[in-house]
Amino acid sequence: MAGPRRHHDEVSAGGVVVRRGPGGWEACLIRVGRAWSLPKGNLDAGETPEQAALREISEEVGLPVDGLRVLGELPPSEYMYRRDGRLISKIVHHFLVEAPAGAPLHPDGWEVDEAAWVPLGEAVEQATYRDLRAVFAAAQEHLDRTT
């Protein structure tokens, strides 16, 4: 029997965006300040996590939504942080999303300082946040199983 659902102050969605590159799978990483992470953002009213993930990916890295394909759901990240002295509980729903081979990135300069395609095996090392290790591992496992 599952335990009670935990309340989160913030709910976001995003994902591991991959494309086929000349040497295998490449993942999209974004840099905001000094931190390398995944594209993500808060859900809008009435949006599902999957819809929000696709919208945020498109907005942050300039990939057209109609060219993106959700391959599966990945483990969420749950964490706490402080904002203005208040403790905030956050969950980020992650999806494995495929972009077309050769798709260029056009990062939104208001939200993202840089976006780059990185070999999937190296992305986990470049990502700043440790909670993303499980997300990348699940993405790699999914791709190994299905391709």
C-alpha atoms as a PDB file:
ATOM      1  CA  MET A   1       0.000   0.000   0.000  1.00  0.00           C
ATOM      2  CA  ALA A   2       1.401   3.386  -0.995  1.00  0.00           C
ATOM      3  CA  GLY A   3       1.930   6.036   1.653  1.00  0.00           C
ATOM      4  CA  PRO A   4       0.276   9.448   1.641  1.00  0.00           C
ATOM      5  CA  ARG A   5       1.161  11.759  -1.216  1.00  0.00           C
ATOM      6  CA  ARG A   6       3.562  14.473  -0.247  1.00  0.00           C
ATOM      7  CA  HIS A   7       2.596  18.085  -0.832  1.00  0.00           C
ATOM      8  CA  HIS A   8       5.045  20.110  -2.939  1.00  0.00           C
ATOM      9  CA  ASP A   9       5.132  23.889  -2.996  1.00  0.00           C
ATOM     10  CA  GLU A  10       6.457  23.847  -6.567  1.00  0.00           C
ATOM     11  CA  VAL A  11       5.886  21.379  -9.399  1.00  0.00           C
ATOM     12  CA  SER A  12       8.133  21.512 -12.468  1.00  0.00           C
ATOM     13  CA  ALA A  13       8.746  19.315 -15.483  1.00  0.00           C
ATOM     14  CA  GLY A  14      11.502  18.894 -18.011  1.00  0.00           C
ATOM     15  CA  GLY A  15      13.730  16.198 -19.269  1.00  0.00           C
ATOM     16  CA  VAL A  16      16.696  14.536 -20.775  1.00  0.00           C
ATOM     17  CA  VAL A  17      16.538  15.634 -24.406  1.00  0.00           C
ATOM     18  CA  VAL A  18      18.520  13.331 -26.696  1.00  0.00           C
ATOM     19  CA  ARG A  19      19.342  13.200 -30.366  1.00  0.00           C
ATOM     20  CA  ARG A  20      21.299  10.731 -32.447  1.00  0.00           C
ATOM     21  CA  GLY A  21      24.755  12.066 -33.175  1.00  0.00           C
ATOM     22  CA  PRO A  22      27.633  10.722 -35.245  1.00  0.00           C
ATOM     23  CA  GLY A  23      29.116   8.959 -32.199  1.00  0.00           C
ATOM     24  CA  GLY A  24      25.868   7.841 -30.551  1.00  0.00           C
ATOM     25  CA  TRP A  25      23.301   9.530 -28.333  1.00  0.00           C
ATOM     26  CA  GLU A  26      23.832  13.165 -27.344  1.00  0.00           C
ATOM     27  CA  ALA A  27      22.025  14.929 -24.501  1.00  0.00           C
ATOM     28  CA  CYS A  28      21.072  18.582 -24.241  1.00  0.00           C
ATOM     29  CA  LEU A  29      22.437  20.415 -21.209  1.00  0.00           C
ATOM     30  CA  ILE A  30      21.704  24.002 -20.262  1.00  0.00           C
ATOM     31  CA  ARG A  31      23.849  26.365 -18.247  1.00  0.00           C
ATOM     32  CA  VAL A  32      22.293  28.969 -15.984  1.00  0.00           C
ATOM     33  CA  GLY A  33      25.013  30.897 -14.177  1.00  0.00           C
ATOM     34  CA  ARG A  34      27.670  28.312 -13.364  1.00  0.00           C
ATOM     35  CA  ALA A  35      25.283  25.344 -13.075  1.00  0.00           C
ATOM     36  CA  TRP A  36      24.769  22.794 -15.864  1.00  0.00           C
ATOM     37  CA  SER A  37      21.385  21.099 -15.736  1.00  0.00           C
ATOM     38  CA  LEU A  38      18.385  19.991 -17.772  1.00  0.00           C
ATOM     39  CA  PRO A  39      15.732  22.205 -19.339  1.00  0.00           C
ATOM     40  CA  LYS A  40      12.726  22.428 -17.028  1.00  0.00           C
ATOM     41  CA  GLY A  41      10.129  24.800 -15.662  1.00  0.00           C
ATOM     42  CA  ASN A  42       6.959  25.156 -13.626  1.00  0.00           C
ATOM     43  CA  LEU A  43       3.649  23.754 -14.807  1.00  0.00           C
ATOM     44  CA  ASP A  44       1.087  26.254 -16.062  1.00  0.00           C
ATOM     45  CA  ALA A  45      -2.516  25.962 -14.869  1.00  0.00           C
ATOM     46  CA  GLY A  46      -4.231  22.965 -16.465  1.00  0.00           C
ATOM     47  CA  GLU A  47      -0.997  21.548 -17.904  1.00  0.00           C
ATOM     48  CA  THR A  48       0.131  17.968 -17.410  1.00  0.00           C
ATOM     49  CA  PRO A  49       3.777  17.370 -16.478  1.00  0.00           C
ATOM     50  CA  GLU A  50       4.415  15.950 -19.971  1.00  0.00           C
ATOM     51  CA  GLN A  51       2.912  19.010 -21.679  1.00  0.00           C
ATOM     52  CA  ALA A  52       4.916  21.338 -19.426  1.00  0.00           C
ATOM     53  CA  ALA A  53       8.136  19.415 -20.112  1.00  0.00           C
ATOM     54  CA  LEU A  54       7.721  19.743 -23.881  1.00  0.00           C
ATOM     55  CA  ARG A  55       6.787  23.430 -23.632  1.00  0.00           C
ATOM     56  CA  GLU A  56       9.697  24.259 -21.334  1.00  0.00           C
ATOM     57  CA  ILE A  57      12.205  22.346 -23.454  1.00  0.00           C
ATOM     58  CA  SER A  58      10.996  24.193 -26.536  1.00  0.00           C
ATOM     59  CA  GLU A  59      11.081  27.592 -24.823  1.00  0.00           C
ATOM     60  CA  GLU A  60      14.468  27.185 -23.167  1.00  0.00           C
ATOM     61  CA  VAL A  61      16.492  25.602 -25.988  1.00  0.00           C
ATOM     62  CA  GLY A  62      14.529  26.580 -29.099  1.00  0.00           C
ATOM     63  CA  LEU A  63      13.538  23.103 -30.288  1.00  0.00           C
ATOM     64  CA  PRO A  64      10.099  23.116 -31.969  1.00  0.00           C
ATOM     65  CA  VAL A  65       7.544  21.138 -29.907  1.00  0.00           C
ATOM     66  CA  ASP A  66       6.236  19.327 -32.984  1.00  0.00           C
ATOM     67  CA  GLY A  67       9.701  17.827 -33.562  1.00  0.00           C
ATOM     68  CA  LEU A  68       9.974  16.421 -30.019  1.00  0.00           C
ATOM     69  CA  ARG A  69       8.901  12.894 -29.087  1.00  0.00           C
ATOM     70  CA  VAL A  70       8.474  11.613 -25.519  1.00  0.00           C
ATOM     71  CA  LEU A  71      10.120   8.201 -25.220  1.00  0.00           C
ATOM     72  CA  GLY A  72       9.269   7.589 -21.581  1.00  0.00           C
ATOM     73  CA  GLU A  73       9.036   8.845 -18.039  1.00  0.00           C
ATOM     74  CA  LEU A  74      12.170   9.076 -15.885  1.00  0.00           C
ATOM     75  CA  PRO A  75      12.553   9.273 -12.082  1.00  0.00           C
ATOM     76  CA  PRO A  76      11.470  12.604 -10.599  1.00  0.00           C
ATOM     77  CA  SER A  77      13.753  14.780  -8.478  1.00  0.00           C
ATOM     78  CA  GLU A  78      12.468  15.935  -5.113  1.00  0.00           C
ATOM     79  CA  TYR A  79      14.317  18.475  -3.028  1.00  0.00           C
ATOM     80  CA  MET A  80      14.017  21.391  -0.638  1.00  0.00           C
ATOM     81  CA  TYR A  81      15.509  24.845  -0.985  1.00  0.00           C
ATOM     82  CA  ARG A  82      15.171  28.223   0.716  1.00  0.00           C
ATOM     83  CA  ARG A  83      13.677  31.304  -0.879  1.00  0.00           C
ATOM     84  CA  ASP A  84      13.399  34.501   1.151  1.00  0.00           C
ATOM     85  CA  GLY A  85      13.965  32.490   4.330  1.00  0.00           C
ATOM     86  CA  ARG A  86      11.115  30.075   3.562  1.00  0.00           C
ATOM     87  CA  LEU A  87      11.700  26.363   2.999  1.00  0.00           C
ATOM     88  CA  ILE A  88      10.263  25.276  -0.386  1.00  0.00           C
ATOM     89  CA  SER A  89       9.485  21.648  -1.310  1.00  0.00           C
ATOM     90  CA  LYS A  90       9.863  20.976  -5.024  1.00  0.00           C
ATOM     91  CA  ILE A  91       9.325  18.054  -7.374  1.00  0.00           C
ATOM     92  CA  VAL A  92      10.591  17.947 -10.950  1.00  0.00           C
ATOM     93  CA  HIS A  93       8.983  15.398 -13.279  1.00  0.00           C
ATOM     94  CA  HIS A  94      11.503  14.187 -15.864  1.00  0.00           C
ATOM     95  CA  PHE A  95      10.856  12.681 -19.286  1.00  0.00           C
ATOM     96  CA  LEU A  96      13.124  11.164 -21.906  1.00  0.00           C
ATOM     97  CA  VAL A  97      12.543  13.250 -25.030  1.00  0.00           C
ATOM     98  CA  GLU A  98      13.987  12.660 -28.500  1.00  0.00           C
ATOM     99  CA  ALA A  99      14.823  15.546 -30.808  1.00  0.00           C
ATOM    100  CA  PRO A 100      15.570  15.067 -34.504  1.00  0.00           C
ATOM    101  CA  ALA A 101      19.143  14.144 -35.461  1.00  0.00           C
ATOM    102  CA  GLY A 102      21.131  17.281 -36.212  1.00  0.00           C
ATOM    103  CA  ALA A 103      18.634  19.568 -34.435  1.00  0.00           C
ATOM    104  CA  PRO A 104      20.382  22.837 -33.515  1.00  0.00           C
ATOM    105  CA  LEU A 105      19.873  24.535 -30.144  1.00  0.00           C
ATOM    106  CA  HIS A 106      18.793  28.163 -29.884  1.00  0.00           C
ATOM    107  CA  PRO A 107      18.812  28.974 -26.152  1.00  0.00           C
ATOM    108  CA  ASP A 108      16.492  31.633 -24.774  1.00  0.00           C
ATOM    109  CA  GLY A 109      18.857  34.334 -23.502  1.00  0.00           C
ATOM    110  CA  TRP A 110      16.409  35.413 -20.783  1.00  0.00           C
ATOM    111  CA  GLU A 111      16.362  32.014 -19.066  1.00  0.00           C
ATOM    112  CA  VAL A 112      19.437  30.132 -20.274  1.00  0.00           C
ATOM    113  CA  ASP A 113      23.048  31.316 -20.601  1.00  0.00           C
ATOM    114  CA  GLU A 114      24.152  28.429 -22.820  1.00  0.00           C
ATOM    115  CA  ALA A 115      22.849  25.157 -24.259  1.00  0.00           C
ATOM    116  CA  ALA A 116      24.970  22.357 -25.666  1.00  0.00           C
ATOM    117  CA  TRP A 117      24.725  18.850 -27.079  1.00  0.00           C
ATOM    118  CA  VAL A 118      27.009  16.567 -25.063  1.00  0.00           C
ATOM    119  CA  PRO A 119      27.659  12.833 -25.518  1.00  0.00           C
ATOM    120  CA  LEU A 120      25.158  11.132 -23.206  1.00  0.00           C
ATOM    121  CA  GLY A 121      27.886   9.330 -21.260  1.00  0.00           C
ATOM    122  CA  GLU A 122      29.603  12.652 -20.510  1.00  0.00           C
ATOM    123  CA  ALA A 123      26.441  14.609 -19.669  1.00  0.00           C
ATOM    124  CA  VAL A 124      26.101  12.982 -16.260  1.00  0.00           C
ATOM    125  CA  GLU A 125      29.635  14.133 -15.398  1.00  0.00           C
ATOM    126  CA  GLN A 126      29.040  17.679 -16.628  1.00  0.00           C
ATOM    127  CA  ALA A 127      25.691  18.107 -14.837  1.00  0.00           C
ATOM    128  CA  THR A 128      26.083  20.082 -11.621  1.00  0.00           C
ATOM    129  CA  TYR A 129      23.363  18.452  -9.510  1.00  0.00           C
ATOM    130  CA  ARG A 130      23.852  14.949  -8.086  1.00  0.00           C
ATOM    131  CA  ASP A 131      20.142  14.080  -8.223  1.00  0.00           C
ATOM    132  CA  LEU A 132      20.433  14.046 -12.021  1.00  0.00           C
ATOM    133  CA  ARG A 133      22.681  10.962 -11.930  1.00  0.00           C
ATOM    134  CA  ALA A 134      19.661   8.682 -11.432  1.00  0.00           C
ATOM    135  CA  VAL A 135      17.794  10.515 -14.196  1.00  0.00           C
ATOM    136  CA  PHE A 136      20.647  10.068 -16.682  1.00  0.00           C
ATOM    137  CA  ALA A 137      21.111   6.427 -15.655  1.00  0.00           C
ATOM    138  CA  ALA A 138      17.413   5.738 -16.275  1.00  0.00           C
ATOM    139  CA  ALA A 139      17.607   7.528 -19.641  1.00  0.00           C
ATOM    140  CA  GLN A 140      20.615   5.437 -20.701  1.00  0.00           C
ATOM    141  CA  GLU A 141      18.899   2.243 -19.519  1.00  0.00           C
ATOM    142  CA  HIS A 142      15.742   3.104 -21.484  1.00  0.00           C
ATOM    143  CA  LEU A 143      17.733   3.826 -24.656  1.00  0.00           C
ATOM    144  CA  ASP A 144      19.783   0.621 -24.268  1.00  0.00           C
ATOM    145  CA  ARG A 145      16.568  -1.399 -23.868  1.00  0.00           C
ATOM    146  CA  THR A 146      14.688   0.125 -26.791  1.00  0.00           C
ATOM    147  CA  THR A 147      17.346   0.801 -29.438  1.00  0.00           C
END
